[in-house]
Amino acid sequence: MDCYSVAAQWGDSCEGQVATRGRLLFLCVVSYLLLGWCCWTELRYRRAIELPAQFNVVGNVIHGGRHGPREMHCLRYWFQDPVTGRRYQNTVEIAPSEAPAGQRVMVQYLSGEFPESRLAIQARPVVVTVFYSITALLALMVVGAVFWLSVEAHAQPPRGVRSLTPVRRRIEIS
């Protein structure tokens, strides 16, 4: 079996599946929007205050998944707002491999009307880099396509080659 016959078989098996491209495009758009939301969250926490907090493990939770059960620790932490002195607490589920050692952990705290906090070990700064890289790649593709279309639009066919666009001739009816 040669490459052509394999390609022909693949083409035949995908025949009539015009929606496949649409589904793939939809999946890419949804993934890009989800990545953008994660990037926005990370950028918000960049202006957060890092505070020490005390914690204890409240319990364990087992989540069933595709690759079997996965154990997570329920970790409750508490800290004080340095400005108001108000005590905040939160409970998160983290993997046992990410569980901090000792009795203190660093917390990222966003003050404001609706204060938020998370463990510093939950930060994922790589998300911002990936999102910016994909955005730059998409922008480069758009600029390249516009440039290519403008070059093609202004290109003159070589001598002796007929243009693909028909020439309009005036016909006078008398």
N, C-alpha and C. Protein backbone atom coordinates (compact mmCIF):
# COMPACT_ATOMS: atom_id res chain seq x y z
N MET A 1 0.86 -1.17 0.00
CA MET A 1 0.00 0.00 0.00
C MET A 1 0.91 1.23 0.00
N ASP A 2 0.70 2.10 -0.96
CA ASP A 2 1.54 3.29 -1.04
C ASP A 2 0.84 4.47 -0.38
N CYS A 3 1.57 5.60 -0.32
CA CYS A 3 1.05 6.79 0.36
C CYS A 3 -0.21 7.32 -0.30
N TYR A 4 -0.29 7.20 -1.63
CA TYR A 4 -1.45 7.75 -2.32
C TYR A 4 -2.72 6.99 -1.95
N SER A 5 -2.61 5.66 -1.91
CA SER A 5 -3.82 4.88 -1.60
C SER A 5 -4.26 5.11 -0.15
N VAL A 6 -3.30 5.29 0.76
CA VAL A 6 -3.65 5.58 2.15
C VAL A 6 -4.36 6.92 2.22
N ALA A 7 -3.82 7.92 1.51
CA ALA A 7 -4.45 9.24 1.51
C ALA A 7 -5.83 9.18 0.86
N ALA A 8 -5.98 8.38 -0.19
CA ALA A 8 -7.27 8.27 -0.85
C ALA A 8 -8.28 7.61 0.07
N GLN A 9 -7.85 6.56 0.80
CA GLN A 9 -8.76 5.91 1.75
C GLN A 9 -9.17 6.86 2.86
N TRP A 10 -8.21 7.63 3.38
CA TRP A 10 -8.52 8.59 4.44
C TRP A 10 -9.49 9.64 3.92
N GLY A 11 -9.26 10.10 2.69
CA GLY A 11 -10.16 11.08 2.10
C GLY A 11 -11.56 10.53 1.93
N ASP A 12 -11.65 9.25 1.53
CA ASP A 12 -12.97 8.63 1.36
C ASP A 12 -13.68 8.46 2.71
N SER A 13 -12.89 8.14 3.75
CA SER A 13 -13.52 7.93 5.05
C SER A 13 -14.01 9.24 5.66
N CYS A 14 -13.40 10.35 5.27
CA CYS A 14 -13.81 11.66 5.80
C CYS A 14 -14.80 12.36 4.90
N GLU A 15 -15.17 11.71 3.80
CA GLU A 15 -16.07 12.34 2.85
C GLU A 15 -17.43 12.55 3.49
N GLY A 16 -17.99 13.72 3.27
CA GLY A 16 -19.30 14.02 3.83
C GLY A 16 -19.24 14.54 5.25
N GLN A 17 -18.05 14.70 5.79
CA GLN A 17 -17.91 15.22 7.16
C GLN A 17 -17.44 16.66 7.12
N VAL A 18 -18.25 17.50 6.50
CA VAL A 18 -17.91 18.92 6.40
C VAL A 18 -17.92 19.56 7.79
N ALA A 19 -18.74 19.02 8.67
CA ALA A 19 -18.88 19.59 10.01
C ALA A 19 -17.63 19.37 10.86
N THR A 20 -16.72 18.50 10.45
CA THR A 20 -15.52 18.23 11.24
C THR A 20 -14.68 19.50 11.40
N ARG A 21 -14.50 20.26 10.34
CA ARG A 21 -13.75 21.52 10.42
C ARG A 21 -14.44 22.51 11.34
N GLY A 22 -15.75 22.58 11.25
CA GLY A 22 -16.51 23.48 12.11
C GLY A 22 -16.40 23.09 13.56
N ARG A 23 -16.44 21.80 13.84
CA ARG A 23 -16.29 21.34 15.22
C ARG A 23 -14.89 21.65 15.75
N LEU A 24 -13.90 21.43 14.91
CA LEU A 24 -12.53 21.73 15.31
C LEU A 24 -12.35 23.22 15.57
N LEU A 25 -12.90 24.05 14.71
CA LEU A 25 -12.82 25.49 14.91
C LEU A 25 -13.54 25.91 16.19
N PHE A 26 -14.72 25.33 16.43
CA PHE A 26 -15.46 25.62 17.65
C PHE A 26 -14.67 25.22 18.88
N LEU A 27 -14.05 24.03 18.85
CA LEU A 27 -13.23 23.57 19.96
C LEU A 27 -12.04 24.50 20.20
N CYS A 28 -11.41 24.96 19.12
CA CYS A 28 -10.28 25.88 19.25
C CYS A 28 -10.72 27.22 19.86
N VAL A 29 -11.86 27.73 19.43
CA VAL A 29 -12.35 29.01 19.95
C VAL A 29 -12.70 28.88 21.43
N VAL A 30 -13.37 27.80 21.80
CA VAL A 30 -13.72 27.60 23.22
C VAL A 30 -12.47 27.43 24.06
N SER A 31 -11.49 26.68 23.56
CA SER A 31 -10.22 26.50 24.29
C SER A 31 -9.49 27.82 24.46
N TYR A 32 -9.49 28.64 23.41
CA TYR A 32 -8.83 29.94 23.47
C TYR A 32 -9.52 30.85 24.49
N LEU A 33 -10.85 30.84 24.51
CA LEU A 33 -11.58 31.65 25.49
C LEU A 33 -11.33 31.17 26.92
N LEU A 34 -11.28 29.86 27.12
CA LEU A 34 -10.98 29.31 28.45
C LEU A 34 -9.56 29.68 28.88
N LEU A 35 -8.62 29.60 27.96
CA LEU A 35 -7.25 29.99 28.26
C LEU A 35 -7.17 31.49 28.57
N GLY A 36 -7.95 32.29 27.85
CA GLY A 36 -7.99 33.73 28.13
C GLY A 36 -8.54 34.02 29.51
N TRP A 37 -9.56 33.28 29.93
CA TRP A 37 -10.11 33.47 31.28
C TRP A 37 -9.08 33.11 32.34
N CYS A 38 -8.36 31.99 32.13
CA CYS A 38 -7.31 31.59 33.08
C CYS A 38 -6.20 32.64 33.13
N CYS A 39 -5.85 33.19 31.98
CA CYS A 39 -4.83 34.24 31.92
C CYS A 39 -5.29 35.47 32.68
N TRP A 40 -6.54 35.85 32.51
CA TRP A 40 -7.09 37.02 33.21
C TRP A 40 -7.03 36.81 34.72
N THR A 41 -7.35 35.60 35.18
CA THR A 41 -7.28 35.29 36.61
C THR A 41 -5.84 35.41 37.11
N GLU A 42 -4.90 34.88 36.36
CA GLU A 42 -3.50 34.97 36.77
C GLU A 42 -3.03 36.42 36.81
N LEU A 43 -3.43 37.22 35.84
CA LEU A 43 -3.02 38.62 35.82
C LEU A 43 -3.63 39.39 36.99
N ARG A 44 -4.85 39.03 37.39
CA ARG A 44 -5.47 39.67 38.55
C ARG A 44 -4.66 39.38 39.82
N TYR A 45 -4.23 38.15 39.97
CA TYR A 45 -3.49 37.76 41.17
C TYR A 45 -2.05 38.28 41.17
N ARG A 46 -1.59 38.84 40.07
CA ARG A 46 -0.24 39.44 40.08
C ARG A 46 -0.18 40.67 40.97
N ARG A 47 -1.32 41.34 41.17
CA ARG A 47 -1.34 42.51 42.05
C ARG A 47 -1.77 42.14 43.47
N ALA A 48 -1.82 40.84 43.76
CA ALA A 48 -2.23 40.37 45.08
C ALA A 48 -1.11 40.56 46.10
N ILE A 49 -1.52 40.64 47.36
CA ILE A 49 -0.58 40.72 48.47
C ILE A 49 -0.28 39.30 48.93
N GLU A 50 0.99 38.98 49.12
CA GLU A 50 1.36 37.66 49.64
C GLU A 50 1.48 37.74 51.14
N LEU A 51 0.72 36.91 51.82
CA LEU A 51 0.68 36.90 53.28
C LEU A 51 0.94 35.49 53.79
N PRO A 52 1.55 35.38 54.97
CA PRO A 52 1.67 34.05 55.58
C PRO A 52 0.34 33.64 56.20
N ALA A 53 0.04 32.39 56.13
CA ALA A 53 -1.20 31.87 56.70
C ALA A 53 -0.93 30.56 57.42
N GLN A 54 -1.79 30.25 58.34
CA GLN A 54 -1.72 28.97 59.03
C GLN A 54 -2.73 28.04 58.36
N PHE A 55 -2.46 26.75 58.42
CA PHE A 55 -3.36 25.80 57.77
C PHE A 55 -3.40 24.50 58.55
N ASN A 56 -4.42 23.71 58.25
CA ASN A 56 -4.46 22.32 58.68
C ASN A 56 -5.25 21.53 57.65
N VAL A 57 -4.96 20.24 57.59
CA VAL A 57 -5.64 19.36 56.64
C VAL A 57 -6.93 18.90 57.30
N VAL A 58 -8.05 19.25 56.68
CA VAL A 58 -9.36 18.96 57.25
C VAL A 58 -9.78 17.52 56.95
N GLY A 59 -9.45 17.04 55.78
CA GLY A 59 -9.84 15.68 55.39
C GLY A 59 -9.33 15.34 54.01
N ASN A 60 -9.75 14.21 53.53
CA ASN A 60 -9.37 13.74 52.21
C ASN A 60 -10.62 13.50 51.38
N VAL A 61 -10.52 13.75 50.10
CA VAL A 61 -11.62 13.52 49.17
C VAL A 61 -11.07 12.65 48.05
N ILE A 62 -11.86 11.67 47.63
CA ILE A 62 -11.44 10.82 46.52
C ILE A 62 -12.36 11.11 45.34
N HIS A 63 -11.75 11.55 44.23
CA HIS A 63 -12.48 11.83 43.00
C HIS A 63 -12.26 10.69 42.03
N GLY A 64 -13.33 10.17 41.48
CA GLY A 64 -13.22 9.15 40.44
C GLY A 64 -12.92 9.83 39.12
N GLY A 65 -12.06 9.25 38.36
CA GLY A 65 -11.70 9.86 37.08
C GLY A 65 -11.49 8.82 36.01
N ARG A 66 -11.09 9.28 34.87
CA ARG A 66 -10.85 8.41 33.72
C ARG A 66 -9.71 7.43 33.99
N HIS A 67 -8.73 7.89 34.76
CA HIS A 67 -7.55 7.06 35.04
C HIS A 67 -7.59 6.47 36.43
N GLY A 68 -8.76 6.31 36.98
CA GLY A 68 -8.90 5.71 38.30
C GLY A 68 -9.13 6.77 39.37
N PRO A 69 -9.31 6.34 40.61
CA PRO A 69 -9.57 7.30 41.69
C PRO A 69 -8.34 8.15 42.00
N ARG A 70 -8.62 9.40 42.38
CA ARG A 70 -7.55 10.33 42.70
C ARG A 70 -7.84 10.96 44.06
N GLU A 71 -6.88 10.89 44.95
CA GLU A 71 -7.07 11.43 46.29
C GLU A 71 -6.62 12.89 46.35
N MET A 72 -7.43 13.71 47.01
CA MET A 72 -7.12 15.12 47.20
C MET A 72 -7.22 15.44 48.69
N HIS A 73 -6.35 16.33 49.15
CA HIS A 73 -6.42 16.81 50.54
C HIS A 73 -7.31 18.05 50.60
N CYS A 74 -8.19 18.11 51.58
CA CYS A 74 -8.94 19.34 51.87
C CYS A 74 -8.11 20.12 52.88
N LEU A 75 -7.67 21.29 52.47
CA LEU A 75 -6.78 22.10 53.30
C LEU A 75 -7.50 23.40 53.66
N ARG A 76 -7.63 23.67 54.94
CA ARG A 76 -8.24 24.92 55.39
C ARG A 76 -7.12 25.84 55.88
N TYR A 77 -7.12 27.06 55.37
CA TYR A 77 -6.11 28.04 55.80
C TYR A 77 -6.81 29.30 56.29
N TRP A 78 -6.12 30.04 57.14
CA TRP A 78 -6.65 31.30 57.65
C TRP A 78 -5.52 32.30 57.80
N PHE A 79 -5.89 33.55 57.61
CA PHE A 79 -4.92 34.64 57.67
C PHE A 79 -5.65 35.92 58.04
N GLN A 80 -4.88 36.98 58.35
CA GLN A 80 -5.47 38.28 58.69
C GLN A 80 -5.11 39.30 57.62
N ASP A 81 -6.11 40.12 57.29
CA ASP A 81 -5.89 41.23 56.37
C ASP A 81 -5.01 42.24 57.08
N PRO A 82 -3.86 42.63 56.49
CA PRO A 82 -2.96 43.56 57.18
C PRO A 82 -3.55 44.96 57.34
N VAL A 83 -4.49 45.35 56.51
CA VAL A 83 -5.06 46.69 56.57
C VAL A 83 -6.19 46.76 57.60
N THR A 84 -7.15 45.85 57.50
CA THR A 84 -8.32 45.91 58.38
C THR A 84 -8.17 45.05 59.63
N GLY A 85 -7.28 44.09 59.61
CA GLY A 85 -7.11 43.19 60.74
C GLY A 85 -8.17 42.09 60.78
N ARG A 86 -9.01 42.04 59.78
CA ARG A 86 -10.08 41.04 59.73
C ARG A 86 -9.50 39.67 59.35
N ARG A 87 -10.03 38.62 59.99
CA ARG A 87 -9.53 37.27 59.74
C ARG A 87 -10.35 36.63 58.63
N TYR A 88 -9.66 36.01 57.68
CA TYR A 88 -10.30 35.30 56.57
C TYR A 88 -9.86 33.85 56.60
N GLN A 89 -10.75 33.00 56.11
CA GLN A 89 -10.37 31.59 55.97
C GLN A 89 -10.98 31.04 54.69
N ASN A 90 -10.37 30.00 54.20
CA ASN A 90 -10.82 29.38 52.96
C ASN A 90 -10.42 27.92 53.00
N THR A 91 -11.15 27.09 52.28
CA THR A 91 -10.83 25.67 52.18
C THR A 91 -10.64 25.33 50.71
N VAL A 92 -9.56 24.66 50.40
CA VAL A 92 -9.25 24.27 49.03
C VAL A 92 -8.90 22.79 48.98
N GLU A 93 -9.05 22.22 47.79
CA GLU A 93 -8.62 20.85 47.55
C GLU A 93 -7.34 20.89 46.75
N ILE A 94 -6.31 20.23 47.26
CA ILE A 94 -5.04 20.18 46.54
C ILE A 94 -4.53 18.75 46.51
N ALA A 95 -3.69 18.47 45.56
CA ALA A 95 -3.09 17.14 45.43
C ALA A 95 -2.12 16.92 46.59
N PRO A 96 -1.99 15.69 47.04
CA PRO A 96 -1.05 15.42 48.14
C PRO A 96 0.39 15.83 47.82
N SER A 97 0.75 15.80 46.54
CA SER A 97 2.11 16.19 46.17
C SER A 97 2.34 17.69 46.34
N GLU A 98 1.25 18.49 46.31
CA GLU A 98 1.37 19.94 46.47
C GLU A 98 1.16 20.39 47.91
N ALA A 99 0.86 19.47 48.80
CA ALA A 99 0.59 19.83 50.19
C ALA A 99 1.85 20.43 50.82
N PRO A 100 1.72 21.60 51.45
CA PRO A 100 2.89 22.24 52.04
C PRO A 100 3.34 21.53 53.32
N ALA A 101 4.64 21.65 53.59
CA ALA A 101 5.20 21.08 54.82
C ALA A 101 5.24 22.17 55.89
N GLY A 102 5.12 21.79 57.13
CA GLY A 102 5.14 22.77 58.21
C GLY A 102 3.75 23.24 58.56
N GLN A 103 3.67 24.36 59.29
CA GLN A 103 2.39 24.89 59.72
C GLN A 103 2.01 26.20 59.04
N ARG A 104 2.89 26.74 58.20
CA ARG A 104 2.61 28.00 57.51
C ARG A 104 2.69 27.80 56.00
N VAL A 105 1.88 28.59 55.33
CA VAL A 105 1.85 28.56 53.87
C VAL A 105 1.64 30.00 53.41
N MET A 106 2.13 30.32 52.21
CA MET A 106 1.94 31.67 51.67
C MET A 106 0.62 31.71 50.89
N VAL A 107 -0.10 32.83 51.09
CA VAL A 107 -1.40 33.03 50.46
C VAL A 107 -1.36 34.30 49.63
N GLN A 108 -1.98 34.26 48.46
CA GLN A 108 -2.14 35.47 47.65
C GLN A 108 -3.53 36.02 47.95
N TYR A 109 -3.59 37.28 48.36
CA TYR A 109 -4.84 37.88 48.83
C TYR A 109 -5.17 39.11 48.00
N LEU A 110 -6.38 39.13 47.45
CA LEU A 110 -6.90 40.28 46.72
C LEU A 110 -7.94 40.96 47.61
N SER A 111 -7.62 42.14 48.09
CA SER A 111 -8.58 42.86 48.92
C SER A 111 -9.55 43.61 48.02
N GLY A 112 -10.59 44.12 48.60
CA GLY A 112 -11.58 44.87 47.83
C GLY A 112 -12.98 44.59 48.35
N GLU A 113 -13.95 44.93 47.52
CA GLU A 113 -15.34 44.72 47.92
C GLU A 113 -15.66 43.23 48.08
N PHE A 114 -15.13 42.42 47.17
CA PHE A 114 -15.28 40.97 47.26
C PHE A 114 -13.89 40.35 47.35
N PRO A 115 -13.34 40.24 48.56
CA PRO A 115 -11.97 39.73 48.69
C PRO A 115 -11.86 38.27 48.27
N GLU A 116 -10.72 37.95 47.68
CA GLU A 116 -10.44 36.59 47.23
C GLU A 116 -9.05 36.21 47.69
N SER A 117 -8.83 34.91 47.83
CA SER A 117 -7.50 34.43 48.19
C SER A 117 -7.30 33.04 47.59
N ARG A 118 -6.03 32.70 47.45
CA ARG A 118 -5.65 31.36 47.02
C ARG A 118 -4.26 31.07 47.56
N LEU A 119 -3.90 29.82 47.59
CA LEU A 119 -2.55 29.45 48.00
C LEU A 119 -1.57 29.88 46.93
N ALA A 120 -0.40 30.31 47.35
CA ALA A 120 0.61 30.74 46.37
C ALA A 120 1.06 29.58 45.49
N ILE A 121 0.97 28.35 46.01
CA ILE A 121 1.38 27.19 45.20
C ILE A 121 0.36 26.87 44.12
N GLN A 122 -0.81 27.52 44.14
CA GLN A 122 -1.81 27.32 43.10
C GLN A 122 -1.61 28.25 41.90
N ALA A 123 -0.62 29.11 41.95
CA ALA A 123 -0.35 30.04 40.85
C ALA A 123 0.18 29.26 39.64
N ARG A 124 -0.27 29.66 38.48
CA ARG A 124 0.17 29.05 37.22
C ARG A 124 0.59 30.17 36.26
N PRO A 125 1.78 30.76 36.44
CA PRO A 125 2.20 31.87 35.57
C PRO A 125 2.47 31.45 34.12
N VAL A 126 2.63 30.17 33.85
CA VAL A 126 2.88 29.70 32.49
C VAL A 126 1.67 29.98 31.60
N VAL A 127 0.48 30.02 32.20
CA VAL A 127 -0.75 30.26 31.43
C VAL A 127 -0.67 31.59 30.70
N VAL A 128 -0.11 32.60 31.35
CA VAL A 128 -0.01 33.93 30.73
C VAL A 128 0.91 33.87 29.51
N THR A 129 2.04 33.20 29.65
CA THR A 129 2.99 33.07 28.54
C THR A 129 2.36 32.32 27.37
N VAL A 130 1.67 31.23 27.65
CA VAL A 130 1.04 30.45 26.59
C VAL A 130 -0.03 31.27 25.89
N PHE A 131 -0.86 31.98 26.65
CA PHE A 131 -1.92 32.79 26.04
C PHE A 131 -1.33 33.89 25.16
N TYR A 132 -0.32 34.60 25.66
CA TYR A 132 0.31 35.65 24.85
C TYR A 132 0.98 35.07 23.61
N SER A 133 1.58 33.90 23.72
CA SER A 133 2.23 33.28 22.57
C SER A 133 1.20 32.90 21.50
N ILE A 134 0.09 32.31 21.92
CA ILE A 134 -0.95 31.94 20.96
C ILE A 134 -1.55 33.18 20.32
N THR A 135 -1.77 34.23 21.11
CA THR A 135 -2.32 35.47 20.57
C THR A 135 -1.36 36.08 19.55
N ALA A 136 -0.07 36.08 19.86
CA ALA A 136 0.92 36.62 18.92
C ALA A 136 0.97 35.78 17.64
N LEU A 137 0.86 34.46 17.78
CA LEU A 137 0.85 33.59 16.61
C LEU A 137 -0.38 33.85 15.73
N LEU A 138 -1.54 34.01 16.36
CA LEU A 138 -2.75 34.32 15.59
C LEU A 138 -2.64 35.68 14.89
N ALA A 139 -2.08 36.66 15.59
CA ALA A 139 -1.90 37.99 14.98
C ALA A 139 -0.94 37.90 13.79
N LEU A 140 0.13 37.13 13.94
CA LEU A 140 1.08 36.95 12.83
C LEU A 140 0.41 36.28 11.64
N MET A 141 -0.43 35.30 11.89
CA MET A 141 -1.13 34.62 10.81
C MET A 141 -2.08 35.58 10.08
N VAL A 142 -2.78 36.43 10.83
CA VAL A 142 -3.69 37.40 10.20
C VAL A 142 -2.91 38.41 9.37
N VAL A 143 -1.82 38.94 9.92
CA VAL A 143 -0.99 39.91 9.19
C VAL A 143 -0.41 39.25 7.94
N GLY A 144 0.05 38.00 8.06
CA GLY A 144 0.59 37.29 6.90
C GLY A 144 -0.46 37.07 5.83
N ALA A 145 -1.67 36.71 6.24
CA ALA A 145 -2.74 36.49 5.27
C ALA A 145 -3.12 37.79 4.57
N VAL A 146 -3.20 38.88 5.31
CA VAL A 146 -3.52 40.18 4.70
C VAL A 146 -2.42 40.60 3.74
N PHE A 147 -1.17 40.41 4.15
CA PHE A 147 -0.05 40.75 3.27
C PHE A 147 -0.08 39.91 2.00
N TRP A 148 -0.31 38.61 2.15
CA TRP A 148 -0.35 37.73 0.99
C TRP A 148 -1.49 38.12 0.06
N LEU A 149 -2.66 38.43 0.62
CA LEU A 149 -3.80 38.83 -0.22
C LEU A 149 -3.52 40.15 -0.94
N SER A 150 -2.85 41.08 -0.26
CA SER A 150 -2.54 42.36 -0.92
C SER A 150 -1.51 42.17 -2.03
N VAL A 151 -0.54 41.30 -1.84
CA VAL A 151 0.45 41.03 -2.89
C VAL A 151 -0.23 40.35 -4.07
N GLU A 152 -1.09 39.40 -3.82
CA GLU A 152 -1.79 38.71 -4.89
C GLU A 152 -2.72 39.64 -5.65
N ALA A 153 -3.34 40.58 -4.94
CA ALA A 153 -4.26 41.50 -5.60
C ALA A 153 -3.54 42.46 -6.53
N HIS A 154 -2.31 42.82 -6.20
CA HIS A 154 -1.56 43.78 -7.02
C HIS A 154 -0.61 43.12 -8.01
N ALA A 155 -0.55 41.80 -8.03
CA ALA A 155 0.36 41.10 -8.93
C ALA A 155 -0.19 41.13 -10.35
N GLN A 156 0.68 41.40 -11.31
CA GLN A 156 0.31 41.42 -12.72
C GLN A 156 0.68 40.06 -13.31
N PRO A 157 -0.18 39.50 -14.12
CA PRO A 157 0.17 38.22 -14.74
C PRO A 157 1.32 38.43 -15.74
N PRO A 158 2.18 37.45 -15.92
CA PRO A 158 3.28 37.59 -16.89
C PRO A 158 2.74 37.72 -18.31
N ARG A 159 3.58 38.25 -19.21
CA ARG A 159 3.16 38.45 -20.60
C ARG A 159 2.83 37.10 -21.23
N GLY A 160 1.81 37.10 -22.02
CA GLY A 160 1.41 35.88 -22.71
C GLY A 160 0.48 34.99 -21.91
N VAL A 161 0.27 35.32 -20.66
CA VAL A 161 -0.62 34.51 -19.82
C VAL A 161 -1.93 35.26 -19.69
N ARG A 162 -2.99 34.57 -19.98
CA ARG A 162 -4.29 35.22 -19.87
C ARG A 162 -4.71 35.28 -18.42
N SER A 163 -5.38 36.34 -18.09
CA SER A 163 -5.88 36.52 -16.74
C SER A 163 -7.05 35.59 -16.49
N LEU A 164 -7.25 35.21 -15.27
CA LEU A 164 -8.38 34.35 -14.93
C LEU A 164 -9.68 35.14 -14.87
N THR A 165 -9.56 36.45 -14.72
CA THR A 165 -10.78 37.27 -14.68
C THR A 165 -11.13 37.64 -16.11
N PRO A 166 -12.36 37.41 -16.52
CA PRO A 166 -12.74 37.70 -17.91
C PRO A 166 -12.77 39.20 -18.16
N VAL A 167 -12.45 39.55 -19.42
CA VAL A 167 -12.48 40.95 -19.83
C VAL A 167 -13.89 41.25 -20.28
N ARG A 168 -14.45 42.34 -19.77
CA ARG A 168 -15.80 42.74 -20.17
C ARG A 168 -15.73 43.54 -21.47
N ARG A 169 -16.53 43.16 -22.41
CA ARG A 169 -16.57 43.87 -23.68
C ARG A 169 -17.94 44.50 -23.84
N ARG A 170 -17.90 45.66 -24.37
CA ARG A 170 -19.17 46.34 -24.63
C ARG A 170 -19.79 45.82 -25.90
N ILE A 171 -21.01 45.49 -25.79
CA ILE A 171 -21.76 45.04 -26.97
C ILE A 171 -22.86 46.06 -27.20
N GLU A 172 -22.81 46.59 -28.39
CA GLU A 172 -23.83 47.58 -28.73
C GLU A 172 -24.89 46.90 -29.56
N ILE A 173 -26.10 47.10 -29.16
CA ILE A 173 -27.23 46.54 -29.89
C ILE A 173 -27.88 47.68 -30.65
N SER A 174 -27.99 47.50 -31.95
CA SER A 174 -28.61 48.57 -32.74
C SER A 174 -29.90 48.13 -33.35
